[in-house]
Amino acid sequence: MYSYRIWQPDDLPWLFHAAAAGAWESASDEERAAAAPQLIASGAQQLLQSVLSAGTGTAIIATAQGGPVGFVLFAVGPDSTTDEPNGYLMSGWVDPQHRRRGIFRQLHALAERILAQIGIRKAKICTGLHNQAVVNLARQAGYAPEGLIGIKEL
């Protein structure tokens, strides 16, 4: 049985580890070839720390037998075009031993529920197209593709 709660300061060491693991797993093959794991981990950990310390977002933790097994990090920020406040589901991860049990879906649903309770009307998920697990989860949860970010080597 899994339970879900808002993160607590004692969770930070685990969250830093989980954010790094999630960032590495969601990186494309090209990103992994070009960047050291420590660099990808550092970027994920900085994002986590900035969101949690800025007060614009939070993390929800999934636990089993008293220990964390998954998380989702989300924040509120302005839409880049309309300036309307949006929810941004920024990162997440579930321990491989606990995957395929609906934990990530539940974490996302809880984040959406919290965003709706504070009056946010739109949520966005950003991921690379190579990350088909998240792309599929987003589509199944009702997210529609919006725009395209292209990368070109110069």
N, C-alpha and C. Protein backbone atom coordinates (compact mmCIF):
# COMPACT_ATOMS: atom_id res chain seq x y z
N MET A 1 0.84 -1.18 0.00
CA MET A 1 0.00 0.00 0.00
C MET A 1 0.88 1.24 0.00
N TYR A 2 0.51 2.21 -0.79
CA TYR A 2 1.27 3.45 -0.91
C TYR A 2 0.49 4.59 -0.28
N SER A 3 1.22 5.50 0.30
CA SER A 3 0.61 6.72 0.81
C SER A 3 1.35 7.90 0.18
N TYR A 4 0.71 9.05 0.23
CA TYR A 4 1.22 10.24 -0.45
C TYR A 4 1.17 11.41 0.52
N ARG A 5 2.20 12.25 0.46
CA ARG A 5 2.26 13.41 1.35
C ARG A 5 3.14 14.48 0.74
N ILE A 6 3.01 15.69 1.25
CA ILE A 6 3.88 16.79 0.86
C ILE A 6 5.27 16.53 1.47
N TRP A 7 6.30 16.89 0.76
CA TRP A 7 7.66 16.67 1.22
C TRP A 7 7.91 17.37 2.55
N GLN A 8 8.90 16.87 3.26
CA GLN A 8 9.35 17.45 4.52
C GLN A 8 10.87 17.64 4.44
N PRO A 9 11.44 18.54 5.23
CA PRO A 9 12.88 18.77 5.16
C PRO A 9 13.73 17.51 5.31
N ASP A 10 13.27 16.54 6.09
CA ASP A 10 14.02 15.29 6.25
C ASP A 10 14.10 14.49 4.94
N ASP A 11 13.23 14.81 3.98
CA ASP A 11 13.22 14.11 2.70
C ASP A 11 14.30 14.60 1.74
N LEU A 12 14.94 15.74 2.03
CA LEU A 12 15.85 16.35 1.06
C LEU A 12 16.96 15.42 0.57
N PRO A 13 17.66 14.67 1.41
CA PRO A 13 18.70 13.78 0.85
C PRO A 13 18.12 12.79 -0.16
N TRP A 14 16.98 12.19 0.18
CA TRP A 14 16.36 11.25 -0.75
C TRP A 14 15.90 11.98 -2.01
N LEU A 15 15.30 13.16 -1.87
CA LEU A 15 14.83 13.92 -3.03
C LEU A 15 15.98 14.28 -3.96
N PHE A 16 17.13 14.67 -3.41
CA PHE A 16 18.29 14.99 -4.25
C PHE A 16 18.73 13.76 -5.05
N HIS A 17 18.75 12.61 -4.38
CA HIS A 17 19.11 11.36 -5.07
C HIS A 17 18.07 11.04 -6.16
N ALA A 18 16.79 11.12 -5.82
CA ALA A 18 15.73 10.77 -6.76
C ALA A 18 15.69 11.74 -7.94
N ALA A 19 15.90 13.03 -7.68
CA ALA A 19 15.91 14.01 -8.77
C ALA A 19 17.05 13.72 -9.74
N ALA A 20 18.22 13.37 -9.21
CA ALA A 20 19.36 13.04 -10.05
C ALA A 20 19.09 11.78 -10.87
N ALA A 21 18.53 10.76 -10.23
CA ALA A 21 18.22 9.52 -10.94
C ALA A 21 17.19 9.76 -12.04
N GLY A 22 16.16 10.53 -11.72
CA GLY A 22 15.13 10.83 -12.71
C GLY A 22 15.66 11.63 -13.88
N ALA A 23 16.53 12.59 -13.60
CA ALA A 23 17.10 13.41 -14.68
C ALA A 23 17.96 12.55 -15.60
N TRP A 24 18.75 11.66 -15.03
CA TRP A 24 19.60 10.80 -15.86
C TRP A 24 18.75 9.87 -16.71
N GLU A 25 17.72 9.27 -16.12
CA GLU A 25 16.86 8.35 -16.86
C GLU A 25 16.09 9.07 -17.97
N SER A 26 15.73 10.32 -17.75
CA SER A 26 14.93 11.03 -18.76
C SER A 26 15.79 11.76 -19.79
N ALA A 27 17.11 11.77 -19.61
CA ALA A 27 17.99 12.39 -20.59
C ALA A 27 18.02 11.55 -21.86
N SER A 28 18.15 12.23 -22.98
CA SER A 28 18.26 11.52 -24.26
C SER A 28 19.65 10.89 -24.36
N ASP A 29 19.81 9.97 -25.30
CA ASP A 29 21.12 9.35 -25.54
C ASP A 29 22.16 10.42 -25.87
N GLU A 30 21.77 11.43 -26.64
CA GLU A 30 22.70 12.50 -27.00
C GLU A 30 23.12 13.30 -25.77
N GLU A 31 22.15 13.58 -24.89
CA GLU A 31 22.48 14.31 -23.66
C GLU A 31 23.41 13.50 -22.77
N ARG A 32 23.16 12.21 -22.67
CA ARG A 32 24.03 11.36 -21.85
C ARG A 32 25.44 11.29 -22.41
N ALA A 33 25.55 11.28 -23.74
CA ALA A 33 26.88 11.23 -24.35
C ALA A 33 27.64 12.54 -24.18
N ALA A 34 26.92 13.65 -24.12
CA ALA A 34 27.57 14.96 -24.08
C ALA A 34 27.84 15.48 -22.67
N ALA A 35 27.14 14.96 -21.67
CA ALA A 35 27.26 15.52 -20.32
C ALA A 35 27.58 14.42 -19.32
N ALA A 36 28.40 14.76 -18.37
CA ALA A 36 28.72 13.82 -17.29
C ALA A 36 27.49 13.63 -16.40
N PRO A 37 27.32 12.44 -15.83
CA PRO A 37 26.19 12.22 -14.93
C PRO A 37 26.13 13.25 -13.80
N GLN A 38 27.29 13.67 -13.30
CA GLN A 38 27.31 14.66 -12.21
C GLN A 38 26.73 15.99 -12.66
N LEU A 39 26.94 16.37 -13.90
CA LEU A 39 26.40 17.63 -14.41
C LEU A 39 24.87 17.56 -14.51
N ILE A 40 24.36 16.46 -15.03
CA ILE A 40 22.91 16.28 -15.13
C ILE A 40 22.30 16.23 -13.73
N ALA A 41 22.95 15.52 -12.81
CA ALA A 41 22.47 15.44 -11.42
C ALA A 41 22.46 16.82 -10.78
N SER A 42 23.50 17.58 -10.99
CA SER A 42 23.59 18.91 -10.39
C SER A 42 22.47 19.82 -10.88
N GLY A 43 22.19 19.78 -12.17
CA GLY A 43 21.10 20.60 -12.72
C GLY A 43 19.76 20.23 -12.13
N ALA A 44 19.50 18.94 -11.99
CA ALA A 44 18.23 18.47 -11.42
C ALA A 44 18.12 18.87 -9.96
N GLN A 45 19.21 18.76 -9.23
CA GLN A 45 19.21 19.11 -7.82
C GLN A 45 19.04 20.61 -7.62
N GLN A 46 19.65 21.42 -8.49
CA GLN A 46 19.47 22.87 -8.40
C GLN A 46 18.03 23.27 -8.68
N LEU A 47 17.41 22.64 -9.68
CA LEU A 47 16.00 22.91 -9.97
C LEU A 47 15.14 22.58 -8.76
N LEU A 48 15.35 21.41 -8.20
CA LEU A 48 14.60 20.97 -7.02
C LEU A 48 14.75 21.98 -5.89
N GLN A 49 15.97 22.35 -5.58
CA GLN A 49 16.21 23.27 -4.48
C GLN A 49 15.61 24.64 -4.74
N SER A 50 15.71 25.13 -5.98
CA SER A 50 15.17 26.47 -6.27
C SER A 50 13.64 26.48 -6.17
N VAL A 51 12.98 25.43 -6.64
CA VAL A 51 11.51 25.38 -6.55
C VAL A 51 11.07 25.28 -5.10
N LEU A 52 11.71 24.41 -4.34
CA LEU A 52 11.29 24.21 -2.95
C LEU A 52 11.61 25.42 -2.07
N SER A 53 12.67 26.13 -2.36
CA SER A 53 13.03 27.27 -1.52
C SER A 53 12.33 28.56 -1.95
N ALA A 54 11.87 28.64 -3.20
CA ALA A 54 11.23 29.87 -3.69
C ALA A 54 9.79 30.02 -3.21
N GLY A 55 9.19 28.92 -2.80
CA GLY A 55 7.81 29.00 -2.34
C GLY A 55 6.79 29.02 -3.47
N THR A 56 7.22 28.78 -4.70
CA THR A 56 6.30 28.76 -5.84
C THR A 56 5.85 27.36 -6.20
N GLY A 57 6.38 26.37 -5.51
CA GLY A 57 6.04 25.00 -5.81
C GLY A 57 6.32 24.10 -4.64
N THR A 58 6.11 22.82 -4.86
CA THR A 58 6.34 21.84 -3.81
C THR A 58 6.55 20.47 -4.45
N ALA A 59 6.80 19.50 -3.62
CA ALA A 59 6.93 18.12 -4.08
C ALA A 59 5.97 17.25 -3.28
N ILE A 60 5.44 16.26 -3.95
CA ILE A 60 4.64 15.24 -3.29
C ILE A 60 5.46 13.96 -3.30
N ILE A 61 5.49 13.30 -2.17
CA ILE A 61 6.26 12.07 -1.99
C ILE A 61 5.31 10.89 -1.89
N ALA A 62 5.64 9.82 -2.61
CA ALA A 62 4.95 8.53 -2.43
C ALA A 62 5.79 7.70 -1.48
N THR A 63 5.15 7.07 -0.51
CA THR A 63 5.88 6.25 0.45
C THR A 63 5.31 4.84 0.50
N ALA A 64 6.19 3.92 0.87
CA ALA A 64 5.80 2.53 1.12
C ALA A 64 6.59 2.06 2.33
N GLN A 65 5.95 1.42 3.26
CA GLN A 65 6.58 0.96 4.50
C GLN A 65 7.39 2.08 5.17
N GLY A 66 6.85 3.30 5.12
CA GLY A 66 7.46 4.42 5.81
C GLY A 66 8.57 5.14 5.07
N GLY A 67 9.03 4.62 3.95
CA GLY A 67 10.12 5.25 3.21
C GLY A 67 9.67 5.77 1.87
N PRO A 68 10.33 6.82 1.36
CA PRO A 68 9.94 7.37 0.06
C PRO A 68 10.30 6.43 -1.09
N VAL A 69 9.40 6.38 -2.08
CA VAL A 69 9.64 5.55 -3.26
C VAL A 69 9.39 6.32 -4.56
N GLY A 70 8.86 7.53 -4.47
CA GLY A 70 8.60 8.31 -5.68
C GLY A 70 8.26 9.74 -5.31
N PHE A 71 8.37 10.62 -6.31
CA PHE A 71 8.02 12.02 -6.08
C PHE A 71 7.62 12.68 -7.38
N VAL A 72 6.94 13.81 -7.24
CA VAL A 72 6.70 14.72 -8.35
C VAL A 72 6.96 16.13 -7.81
N LEU A 73 7.63 16.93 -8.63
CA LEU A 73 7.93 18.32 -8.31
C LEU A 73 7.09 19.19 -9.22
N PHE A 74 6.39 20.16 -8.64
CA PHE A 74 5.58 21.05 -9.48
C PHE A 74 5.61 22.45 -8.90
N ALA A 75 5.31 23.41 -9.77
CA ALA A 75 5.36 24.82 -9.38
C ALA A 75 4.32 25.59 -10.16
N VAL A 76 4.11 26.82 -9.73
CA VAL A 76 3.23 27.75 -10.42
C VAL A 76 4.10 28.86 -11.01
N GLY A 77 3.82 29.19 -12.26
CA GLY A 77 4.54 30.27 -12.92
C GLY A 77 3.72 30.83 -14.05
N PRO A 78 4.11 31.99 -14.56
CA PRO A 78 3.34 32.61 -15.63
C PRO A 78 3.56 31.90 -16.96
N ASP A 79 2.50 31.84 -17.75
CA ASP A 79 2.60 31.35 -19.12
C ASP A 79 3.46 32.34 -19.90
N SER A 80 4.35 31.83 -20.73
CA SER A 80 5.28 32.72 -21.44
C SER A 80 4.59 33.59 -22.48
N THR A 81 3.40 33.25 -22.91
CA THR A 81 2.68 34.04 -23.91
C THR A 81 1.59 34.90 -23.28
N THR A 82 0.79 34.32 -22.41
CA THR A 82 -0.39 35.03 -21.88
C THR A 82 -0.17 35.61 -20.49
N ASP A 83 0.89 35.22 -19.82
CA ASP A 83 1.19 35.63 -18.45
C ASP A 83 0.20 35.04 -17.44
N GLU A 84 -0.74 34.21 -17.91
CA GLU A 84 -1.70 33.54 -17.03
C GLU A 84 -0.93 32.55 -16.14
N PRO A 85 -1.28 32.46 -14.85
CA PRO A 85 -0.59 31.48 -14.00
C PRO A 85 -0.89 30.06 -14.46
N ASN A 86 0.15 29.28 -14.58
CA ASN A 86 0.05 27.88 -14.99
C ASN A 86 0.74 27.01 -13.96
N GLY A 87 0.31 25.77 -13.90
CA GLY A 87 1.02 24.77 -13.12
C GLY A 87 2.01 24.07 -14.02
N TYR A 88 3.19 23.85 -13.52
CA TYR A 88 4.24 23.17 -14.28
C TYR A 88 4.66 21.92 -13.52
N LEU A 89 4.39 20.75 -14.10
CA LEU A 89 4.84 19.48 -13.54
C LEU A 89 6.27 19.30 -14.07
N MET A 90 7.24 19.52 -13.20
CA MET A 90 8.61 19.74 -13.63
C MET A 90 9.48 18.50 -13.65
N SER A 91 9.35 17.66 -12.67
CA SER A 91 10.15 16.44 -12.67
C SER A 91 9.51 15.44 -11.72
N GLY A 92 9.97 14.23 -11.84
CA GLY A 92 9.45 13.17 -10.98
C GLY A 92 10.22 11.90 -11.21
N TRP A 93 10.03 10.97 -10.33
CA TRP A 93 10.74 9.71 -10.43
C TRP A 93 10.08 8.71 -9.49
N VAL A 94 10.09 7.44 -9.88
CA VAL A 94 9.63 6.36 -9.02
C VAL A 94 10.72 5.30 -9.03
N ASP A 95 11.05 4.80 -7.85
CA ASP A 95 12.05 3.75 -7.70
C ASP A 95 11.67 2.58 -8.61
N PRO A 96 12.64 2.04 -9.35
CA PRO A 96 12.33 0.96 -10.28
C PRO A 96 11.59 -0.23 -9.66
N GLN A 97 11.83 -0.53 -8.39
CA GLN A 97 11.15 -1.65 -7.73
C GLN A 97 9.66 -1.39 -7.51
N HIS A 98 9.23 -0.13 -7.67
CA HIS A 98 7.83 0.22 -7.40
C HIS A 98 7.11 0.72 -8.65
N ARG A 99 7.71 0.56 -9.80
CA ARG A 99 7.09 1.05 -11.04
C ARG A 99 6.00 0.11 -11.52
N ARG A 100 5.18 0.68 -12.42
CA ARG A 100 4.08 -0.05 -13.07
C ARG A 100 2.98 -0.41 -12.08
N ARG A 101 2.82 0.46 -11.08
CA ARG A 101 1.77 0.26 -10.08
C ARG A 101 0.89 1.50 -9.95
N GLY A 102 1.02 2.44 -10.88
CA GLY A 102 0.18 3.63 -10.87
C GLY A 102 0.65 4.75 -9.96
N ILE A 103 1.84 4.63 -9.41
CA ILE A 103 2.34 5.64 -8.47
C ILE A 103 2.55 6.97 -9.17
N PHE A 104 3.19 6.97 -10.32
CA PHE A 104 3.47 8.23 -11.02
C PHE A 104 2.16 8.90 -11.45
N ARG A 105 1.21 8.12 -11.91
CA ARG A 105 -0.11 8.65 -12.27
C ARG A 105 -0.78 9.31 -11.06
N GLN A 106 -0.70 8.65 -9.93
CA GLN A 106 -1.31 9.18 -8.71
C GLN A 106 -0.60 10.46 -8.27
N LEU A 107 0.72 10.49 -8.36
CA LEU A 107 1.46 11.70 -8.00
C LEU A 107 1.04 12.87 -8.88
N HIS A 108 0.94 12.62 -10.18
CA HIS A 108 0.52 13.69 -11.11
C HIS A 108 -0.91 14.14 -10.81
N ALA A 109 -1.79 13.19 -10.55
CA ALA A 109 -3.19 13.55 -10.25
C ALA A 109 -3.27 14.38 -8.98
N LEU A 110 -2.49 14.04 -7.98
CA LEU A 110 -2.49 14.82 -6.74
C LEU A 110 -1.95 16.23 -6.98
N ALA A 111 -0.89 16.34 -7.76
CA ALA A 111 -0.35 17.67 -8.09
C ALA A 111 -1.41 18.49 -8.82
N GLU A 112 -2.09 17.90 -9.77
CA GLU A 112 -3.15 18.61 -10.50
C GLU A 112 -4.27 19.04 -9.55
N ARG A 113 -4.62 18.19 -8.62
CA ARG A 113 -5.68 18.51 -7.66
C ARG A 113 -5.27 19.71 -6.79
N ILE A 114 -4.04 19.73 -6.33
CA ILE A 114 -3.55 20.86 -5.53
C ILE A 114 -3.56 22.13 -6.36
N LEU A 115 -3.10 22.04 -7.59
CA LEU A 115 -3.09 23.22 -8.46
C LEU A 115 -4.51 23.75 -8.67
N ALA A 116 -5.44 22.85 -8.92
CA ALA A 116 -6.84 23.27 -9.11
C ALA A 116 -7.40 23.92 -7.84
N GLN A 117 -7.06 23.38 -6.68
CA GLN A 117 -7.56 23.93 -5.42
C GLN A 117 -7.08 25.35 -5.18
N ILE A 118 -5.92 25.71 -5.71
CA ILE A 118 -5.43 27.08 -5.52
C ILE A 118 -5.80 27.99 -6.70
N GLY A 119 -6.66 27.47 -7.58
CA GLY A 119 -7.19 28.31 -8.65
C GLY A 119 -6.45 28.26 -9.97
N ILE A 120 -5.50 27.37 -10.12
CA ILE A 120 -4.78 27.24 -11.39
C ILE A 120 -5.67 26.46 -12.36
N ARG A 121 -5.80 26.99 -13.57
CA ARG A 121 -6.70 26.38 -14.56
C ARG A 121 -5.99 25.56 -15.62
N LYS A 122 -4.66 25.67 -15.71
CA LYS A 122 -3.94 24.96 -16.75
C LYS A 122 -2.63 24.40 -16.19
N ALA A 123 -2.35 23.15 -16.54
CA ALA A 123 -1.09 22.52 -16.13
C ALA A 123 -0.33 22.10 -17.37
N LYS A 124 0.98 22.16 -17.28
CA LYS A 124 1.85 21.79 -18.40
C LYS A 124 2.89 20.79 -17.93
N ILE A 125 3.20 19.87 -18.81
CA ILE A 125 4.29 18.91 -18.60
C ILE A 125 5.27 19.13 -19.73
N CYS A 126 6.53 19.26 -19.39
CA CYS A 126 7.57 19.41 -20.40
C CYS A 126 8.48 18.19 -20.36
N THR A 127 8.63 17.55 -21.50
CA THR A 127 9.53 16.40 -21.59
C THR A 127 10.00 16.28 -23.03
N GLY A 128 11.09 15.59 -23.21
CA GLY A 128 11.58 15.34 -24.56
C GLY A 128 10.73 14.27 -25.24
N LEU A 129 10.61 14.36 -26.57
CA LEU A 129 9.83 13.37 -27.30
C LEU A 129 10.42 11.98 -27.19
N HIS A 130 11.72 11.89 -26.90
CA HIS A 130 12.36 10.59 -26.72
C HIS A 130 11.85 9.88 -25.47
N ASN A 131 11.30 10.63 -24.52
CA ASN A 131 10.83 10.07 -23.25
C ASN A 131 9.38 9.60 -23.41
N GLN A 132 9.22 8.53 -24.14
CA GLN A 132 7.88 8.06 -24.51
C GLN A 132 7.03 7.65 -23.31
N ALA A 133 7.65 7.21 -22.23
CA ALA A 133 6.86 6.84 -21.04
C ALA A 133 6.11 8.06 -20.52
N VAL A 134 6.78 9.21 -20.44
CA VAL A 134 6.12 10.42 -19.94
C VAL A 134 5.17 10.98 -21.00
N VAL A 135 5.55 10.92 -22.27
CA VAL A 135 4.67 11.38 -23.34
C VAL A 135 3.36 10.59 -23.29
N ASN A 136 3.45 9.29 -23.15
CA ASN A 136 2.24 8.44 -23.10
C ASN A 136 1.42 8.72 -21.85
N LEU A 137 2.09 8.86 -20.72
CA LEU A 137 1.38 9.18 -19.48
C LEU A 137 0.64 10.51 -19.63
N ALA A 138 1.30 11.50 -20.19
CA ALA A 138 0.68 12.82 -20.37
C ALA A 138 -0.56 12.72 -21.26
N ARG A 139 -0.44 12.02 -22.35
CA ARG A 139 -1.59 11.88 -23.26
C ARG A 139 -2.75 11.15 -22.59
N GLN A 140 -2.43 10.09 -21.87
CA GLN A 140 -3.47 9.34 -21.17
C GLN A 140 -4.15 10.18 -20.09
N ALA A 141 -3.41 11.15 -19.53
CA ALA A 141 -3.97 12.02 -18.49
C ALA A 141 -4.67 13.24 -19.07
N GLY A 142 -4.75 13.32 -20.41
CA GLY A 142 -5.49 14.40 -21.03
C GLY A 142 -4.67 15.58 -21.51
N TYR A 143 -3.36 15.49 -21.44
CA TYR A 143 -2.51 16.57 -21.93
C TYR A 143 -2.42 16.50 -23.45
N ALA A 144 -2.54 17.65 -24.09
CA ALA A 144 -2.43 17.74 -25.54
C ALA A 144 -1.10 18.37 -25.90
N PRO A 145 -0.45 17.87 -26.95
CA PRO A 145 0.81 18.51 -27.36
C PRO A 145 0.60 19.98 -27.70
N GLU A 146 1.56 20.79 -27.32
CA GLU A 146 1.46 22.22 -27.59
C GLU A 146 2.83 22.73 -27.99
N GLY A 147 2.97 23.06 -29.25
CA GLY A 147 4.24 23.63 -29.71
C GLY A 147 5.30 22.58 -29.94
N LEU A 148 6.44 23.06 -30.33
CA LEU A 148 7.58 22.21 -30.60
C LEU A 148 8.83 23.01 -30.26
N ILE A 149 9.70 22.40 -29.54
CA ILE A 149 11.00 23.01 -29.31
C ILE A 149 11.99 22.21 -30.14
N GLY A 150 12.63 22.88 -31.07
CA GLY A 150 13.59 22.23 -31.93
C GLY A 150 14.99 22.51 -31.47
N ILE A 151 15.87 21.56 -31.73
CA ILE A 151 17.29 21.70 -31.42
C ILE A 151 18.06 21.48 -32.69
N LYS A 152 19.00 22.38 -32.94
CA LYS A 152 19.81 22.29 -34.14
C LYS A 152 21.27 22.48 -33.74
N GLU A 153 22.11 21.57 -34.16
CA GLU A 153 23.54 21.71 -33.92
C GLU A 153 24.09 22.76 -34.87
N LEU A 154 24.84 23.70 -34.35
CA LEU A 154 25.45 24.76 -35.17
C LEU A 154 26.94 24.57 -35.31
